[in-house]
């Protein structure tokens, strides 16, 4: 009995320690995930990366969650990897950091068939920038900035940066930003088509949240299928993509949301979608 009490006390202590790095808050049908190491500009350590993976899994499996909203606490979105963890003799290698921390995060963000909003509230550097760019809708506050900081310390971009950034802004721009490590303002990022839009600092939080609310109220079953199509488009030929569109259009047409959308249109009322 005493051993069981010690075990549950250990779990409680461990979970309290584990919970401090990601704040998960369900607000109506939106799961808000806040990166929460503000004293480190929300840079990732192992515990933080693993918790974000767990929270993404939970949001993916929760049928009542229809949109995921990722933001940073304090002045930064995410400064990438906590370099002290990477250089300390703690048994964690750079290979582990890439393959066990960041790769699963990027894969989960892209695989979850729900809209994911990345609200970049400050600097997004290194892996932090590339995690943001993996989102479905990326919004930045006017004073935010994006930095491919890897070259400054002799590393190569990871977290999907070399995959998504050239597709977003073109090979020449992506190559220059990654090699030179230039700081890009939110306005420049929007002009480069790196992000969806930027908002004034004064209205950022409220306006970014409204976008998440809009997405959560939409037919999210169809949005998830759209995301699947977009992911597949990177490797399909035109003929393959046309075929895949046809398959998923049939799946979308069999959804509750499609029937509700058509009925609401015919009845001249506002639809009430369920994401089903």
Protein backbone atom coordinates (compact mmCIF):
# COMPACT_ATOMS: atom_id res chain seq x y z
CA UNK A 1 0.00 0.00 0.00
CA UNK A 2 2.82 2.37 0.93
CA UNK A 3 4.57 1.61 -2.38
CA UNK A 4 1.35 2.47 -4.29
CA UNK A 5 1.06 5.78 -2.45
CA UNK A 6 4.68 6.63 -3.34
CA UNK A 7 4.03 5.70 -6.97
CA UNK A 8 0.97 7.94 -7.28
CA UNK A 9 2.80 10.73 -5.47
CA UNK A 10 5.60 10.37 -8.03
CA UNK A 11 3.11 10.53 -10.91
CA UNK A 12 1.46 13.60 -9.42
CA UNK A 13 4.82 15.36 -9.00
CA UNK A 14 5.95 14.31 -12.48
CA UNK A 15 2.72 15.53 -14.09
CA UNK A 16 2.93 18.86 -12.28
CA UNK A 17 6.47 19.27 -13.62
CA UNK A 18 5.39 18.14 -17.06
CA UNK A 19 2.39 20.47 -17.20
CA UNK A 20 4.28 23.72 -16.80
CA UNK A 21 5.58 23.93 -20.36
CA UNK A 22 2.33 23.70 -22.35
CA UNK A 23 -0.89 25.26 -21.11
CA UNK A 24 -3.88 23.47 -22.62
CA UNK A 25 -7.24 25.20 -22.37
CA UNK A 26 -10.44 24.06 -24.06
CA UNK A 27 -12.56 27.10 -24.91
CA UNK A 28 -15.84 26.00 -26.45
CA UNK A 29 -14.73 23.92 -29.47
CA UNK A 30 -11.20 25.39 -29.67
CA UNK A 31 -8.18 23.82 -27.98
CA UNK A 32 -5.79 26.61 -27.06
CA UNK A 33 -2.20 25.42 -26.60
CA UNK A 34 0.17 27.99 -25.12
CA UNK A 35 3.92 27.43 -25.27
CA UNK A 36 4.87 28.35 -21.75
CA UNK A 37 8.54 28.96 -21.04
CA UNK A 38 8.42 32.76 -21.25
CA UNK A 39 11.70 33.21 -19.37
CA UNK A 40 13.38 31.21 -22.16
CA UNK A 41 11.36 32.83 -24.98
CA UNK A 42 9.41 29.56 -25.15
CA UNK A 43 12.42 27.65 -26.44
CA UNK A 44 11.94 23.89 -26.39
CA UNK A 45 13.35 21.43 -23.93
CA UNK A 46 12.58 17.72 -24.10
CA UNK A 47 9.68 17.83 -21.63
CA UNK A 48 8.05 20.69 -23.51
CA UNK A 49 8.35 18.95 -26.88
CA UNK A 50 6.92 15.69 -25.57
CA UNK A 51 4.05 17.47 -23.88
CA UNK A 52 3.14 19.36 -27.03
CA UNK A 53 3.02 16.03 -28.85
CA UNK A 54 0.68 14.65 -26.18
CA UNK A 55 -1.58 17.69 -26.29
CA UNK A 56 -1.80 17.52 -30.08
CA UNK A 57 -2.74 13.83 -29.82
CA UNK A 58 -5.44 14.63 -27.27
CA UNK A 59 -6.87 17.41 -29.40
CA UNK A 60 -6.86 15.17 -32.46
CA UNK A 61 -8.80 12.42 -30.70
CA UNK A 62 -11.31 14.74 -29.00
CA UNK A 63 -14.34 14.93 -31.27
CA UNK A 64 -15.53 18.12 -29.60
CA UNK A 65 -12.30 19.94 -30.51
CA UNK A 66 -12.80 21.48 -33.94
CA UNK A 67 -9.85 23.86 -34.11
CA UNK A 68 -6.41 24.01 -32.49
CA UNK A 69 -4.87 27.38 -31.62
CA UNK A 70 -1.14 27.60 -30.83
CA UNK A 71 0.38 30.73 -29.31
CA UNK A 72 3.35 31.65 -27.11
CA UNK A 73 3.31 33.16 -23.63
CA UNK A 74 5.11 36.40 -22.92
CA UNK A 75 6.99 38.30 -25.63
CA UNK A 76 7.90 35.41 -27.95
CA UNK A 77 6.17 32.72 -29.95
CA UNK A 78 9.10 30.32 -29.81
CA UNK A 79 12.87 30.83 -30.00
CA UNK A 80 13.46 27.26 -31.18
CA UNK A 81 15.65 24.81 -29.30
CA UNK A 82 16.97 25.55 -25.83
CA UNK A 83 20.66 25.33 -26.71
CA UNK A 84 21.70 24.62 -23.14
CA UNK A 85 19.95 21.25 -23.42
CA UNK A 86 21.69 20.55 -26.73
CA UNK A 87 25.20 21.11 -25.37
CA UNK A 88 24.87 19.73 -21.84
CA UNK A 89 26.08 16.22 -21.07
CA UNK A 90 22.58 14.95 -20.30
CA UNK A 91 22.38 12.01 -22.69
CA UNK A 92 20.19 13.88 -25.20
CA UNK A 93 21.77 14.04 -28.65
CA UNK A 94 20.97 16.41 -31.51
CA UNK A 95 19.68 13.44 -33.46
CA UNK A 96 17.20 12.69 -30.68
CA UNK A 97 16.17 16.34 -30.52
CA UNK A 98 15.35 16.34 -34.22
CA UNK A 99 13.81 12.87 -34.56
CA UNK A 100 12.07 12.56 -31.20
CA UNK A 101 11.11 16.16 -30.47
CA UNK A 102 10.51 18.16 -33.64
CA UNK A 103 9.75 15.66 -36.41
CA UNK A 104 6.74 14.21 -34.55
CA UNK A 105 5.41 17.71 -33.82
CA UNK A 106 5.52 18.70 -37.50
CA UNK A 107 4.02 15.40 -38.62
CA UNK A 108 1.18 15.70 -36.12
CA UNK A 109 0.40 19.32 -37.08
CA UNK A 110 0.12 18.29 -40.73
CA UNK A 111 -1.70 15.00 -40.12
CA UNK A 112 -4.43 16.26 -37.77
CA UNK A 113 -7.51 16.75 -39.91
CA UNK A 114 -8.65 19.85 -38.06
CA UNK A 115 -7.66 23.45 -38.77
CA UNK A 116 -4.61 24.57 -36.80
CA UNK A 117 -4.03 28.28 -36.28
CA UNK A 118 -0.53 29.39 -35.34
CA UNK A 119 -0.77 32.82 -33.73
CA UNK A 120 2.77 34.21 -33.81
CA UNK A 121 2.76 36.75 -30.99
CA UNK A 122 6.50 37.56 -31.09
CA UNK A 123 9.79 36.24 -32.39
CA UNK A 124 9.68 32.83 -34.09
CA UNK A 125 13.20 31.54 -34.60
CA UNK A 126 14.74 28.29 -35.80
CA UNK A 127 12.47 25.34 -35.12
CA UNK A 128 9.97 27.80 -33.63
CA UNK A 129 9.60 29.52 -37.00
CA UNK A 130 9.19 26.24 -38.84
CA UNK A 131 6.62 24.91 -36.38
CA UNK A 132 4.61 28.08 -37.00
CA UNK A 133 4.90 27.73 -40.78
CA UNK A 134 3.51 24.17 -40.57
CA UNK A 135 0.16 25.53 -39.38
CA UNK A 136 -2.87 25.77 -41.64
CA UNK A 137 -3.47 29.45 -40.94
CA UNK A 138 -0.47 31.46 -39.74
CA UNK A 139 -1.14 34.91 -38.31
CA UNK A 140 1.45 37.22 -36.81
CA UNK A 141 1.33 40.33 -34.72
CA UNK A 142 2.89 43.37 -36.38
CA UNK A 143 5.95 43.37 -34.11
CA UNK A 144 6.66 39.65 -34.62
CA UNK A 145 9.64 38.40 -36.61
CA UNK A 146 10.78 35.18 -38.26
CA UNK A 147 14.39 34.00 -38.29
CA UNK A 148 15.95 30.90 -39.84
CA UNK A 149 18.64 31.06 -37.18
CA UNK A 150 20.33 27.72 -37.82
CA UNK A 151 23.16 29.04 -40.00
CA UNK A 152 24.27 31.40 -37.22
CA UNK A 153 25.52 28.43 -35.19
CA UNK A 154 26.58 26.12 -38.01
CA UNK A 155 23.46 23.94 -38.17
CA UNK A 156 21.03 23.15 -40.98
CA UNK A 157 17.31 23.99 -40.91
CA UNK A 158 15.06 21.29 -39.46
CA UNK A 159 11.43 20.88 -38.41
CA UNK A 160 10.34 20.79 -42.04
CA UNK A 161 11.84 24.18 -42.90
CA UNK A 162 13.61 23.00 -46.05
CA UNK A 163 10.34 21.37 -47.17
CA UNK A 164 7.77 24.10 -46.54
CA UNK A 165 9.65 27.38 -46.86
CA UNK A 166 10.71 26.91 -50.54
CA UNK A 167 7.13 25.92 -51.36
CA UNK A 168 5.80 29.02 -49.61
CA UNK A 169 8.18 31.68 -50.93
CA UNK A 170 10.28 30.06 -53.67
CA UNK A 171 13.72 28.46 -53.73
CA UNK A 172 15.80 31.64 -54.11
CA UNK A 173 14.19 33.52 -51.22
CA UNK A 174 14.20 30.43 -48.99
CA UNK A 175 17.84 29.70 -49.74
CA UNK A 176 18.90 33.27 -48.95
CA UNK A 177 16.92 33.46 -45.71
CA UNK A 178 18.30 30.14 -44.52
CA UNK A 179 21.91 30.92 -45.38
CA UNK A 180 22.00 34.56 -44.30
CA UNK A 181 19.73 34.14 -41.29
CA UNK A 182 17.96 37.46 -41.94
CA UNK A 183 15.30 38.63 -39.52
CA UNK A 184 12.01 38.97 -41.41
CA UNK A 185 9.29 41.24 -40.05
CA UNK A 186 5.67 40.19 -39.98
CA UNK A 187 4.90 42.60 -42.83
CA UNK A 188 7.72 41.15 -44.94
CA UNK A 189 6.56 37.61 -44.14
CA UNK A 190 3.05 38.47 -45.35
CA UNK A 191 4.40 40.10 -48.52
CA UNK A 192 6.50 37.00 -49.21
CA UNK A 193 3.42 34.77 -48.77
CA UNK A 194 5.17 33.11 -45.85
CA UNK A 195 2.14 33.72 -43.62
CA UNK A 196 -1.56 34.42 -44.13
CA UNK A 197 -1.57 37.94 -42.67
CA UNK A 198 -0.29 40.15 -39.90
CA UNK A 199 -2.38 42.20 -37.47
CA UNK A 200 -1.69 45.27 -35.39
CA UNK A 201 -0.29 44.64 -31.93
CA UNK A 202 -3.32 46.31 -30.39
CA UNK A 203 -5.87 43.99 -31.99
CA UNK A 204 -3.78 40.86 -32.55
CA UNK A 205 -5.09 38.65 -29.75
CA UNK A 206 -8.77 39.38 -30.34
CA UNK A 207 -8.58 39.23 -34.14
CA UNK A 208 -6.48 36.06 -34.23
CA UNK A 209 -8.92 34.38 -31.85
CA UNK A 210 -11.84 35.41 -34.07
CA UNK A 211 -10.21 33.55 -36.96
CA UNK A 212 -10.00 30.42 -34.82
CA UNK A 213 -13.66 30.85 -33.82
CA UNK A 214 -14.65 31.21 -37.46
CA UNK A 215 -12.81 28.02 -38.43
CA UNK A 216 -14.28 26.10 -35.49
CA UNK A 217 -17.82 27.05 -36.55
CA UNK A 218 -17.30 25.94 -40.15
CA UNK A 219 -17.81 22.44 -41.63
CA UNK A 220 -14.55 21.14 -40.17
CA UNK A 221 -15.02 17.68 -41.67
CA UNK A 222 -14.57 19.26 -45.09
CA UNK A 223 -11.69 21.42 -43.85
CA UNK A 224 -9.92 18.29 -42.64
CA UNK A 225 -10.38 16.64 -46.02
CA UNK A 226 -9.07 19.79 -47.69
CA UNK A 227 -5.97 19.54 -45.51
CA UNK A 228 -5.51 15.93 -46.58
CA UNK A 229 -5.70 17.00 -50.23
CA UNK A 230 -3.19 19.78 -49.74
CA UNK A 231 -0.74 17.41 -48.04
CA UNK A 232 -1.06 14.93 -50.90
CA UNK A 233 -0.59 17.61 -53.54
CA UNK A 234 3.12 17.84 -52.73
CA UNK A 235 3.76 14.40 -54.19
CA UNK A 236 0.87 13.74 -56.62
CA UNK A 237 0.76 14.35 -60.33
CA UNK A 238 -2.15 16.42 -61.66
CA UNK A 239 -4.01 13.27 -62.72
CA UNK A 240 -3.49 11.66 -59.32
CA UNK A 241 -4.63 14.81 -57.54
CA UNK A 242 -7.77 15.08 -59.67
CA UNK A 243 -8.61 11.48 -58.84
CA UNK A 244 -8.00 12.07 -55.13
CA UNK A 245 -10.18 15.21 -55.20
CA UNK A 246 -13.00 13.14 -56.64
CA UNK A 247 -12.68 10.51 -53.92
CA UNK A 248 -12.69 13.03 -51.09
CA UNK A 249 -15.51 15.05 -52.66
CA UNK A 250 -17.68 11.94 -52.37
CA UNK A 251 -16.60 11.52 -48.76
CA UNK A 252 -17.40 15.17 -48.04
CA UNK A 253 -20.82 14.84 -49.71
CA UNK A 254 -21.66 11.99 -47.34
CA UNK A 255 -20.99 14.11 -44.27
CA UNK A 256 -23.54 15.62 -41.92
CA UNK A 257 -22.03 19.06 -42.52
CA UNK A 258 -22.72 18.90 -46.26
CA UNK A 259 -26.34 17.97 -45.73
CA UNK A 260 -26.70 20.70 -43.11
CA UNK A 261 -25.07 23.27 -45.39
CA UNK A 262 -27.39 22.45 -48.30
CA UNK A 263 -30.49 22.40 -46.10
CA UNK A 264 -29.57 25.69 -44.47
CA UNK A 265 -29.02 27.28 -47.89
CA UNK A 266 -32.40 26.07 -49.16
CA UNK A 267 -34.16 27.09 -45.96
CA UNK A 268 -32.37 30.46 -45.91
CA UNK A 269 -31.00 30.03 -42.39
CA UNK A 270 -27.60 29.93 -40.74
CA UNK A 271 -26.11 26.41 -40.77
CA UNK A 272 -25.13 24.66 -37.55
CA UNK A 273 -22.18 22.49 -38.46
CA UNK A 274 -20.89 19.69 -36.23
CA UNK A 275 -17.64 18.70 -37.90
CA UNK A 276 -19.16 15.33 -38.81
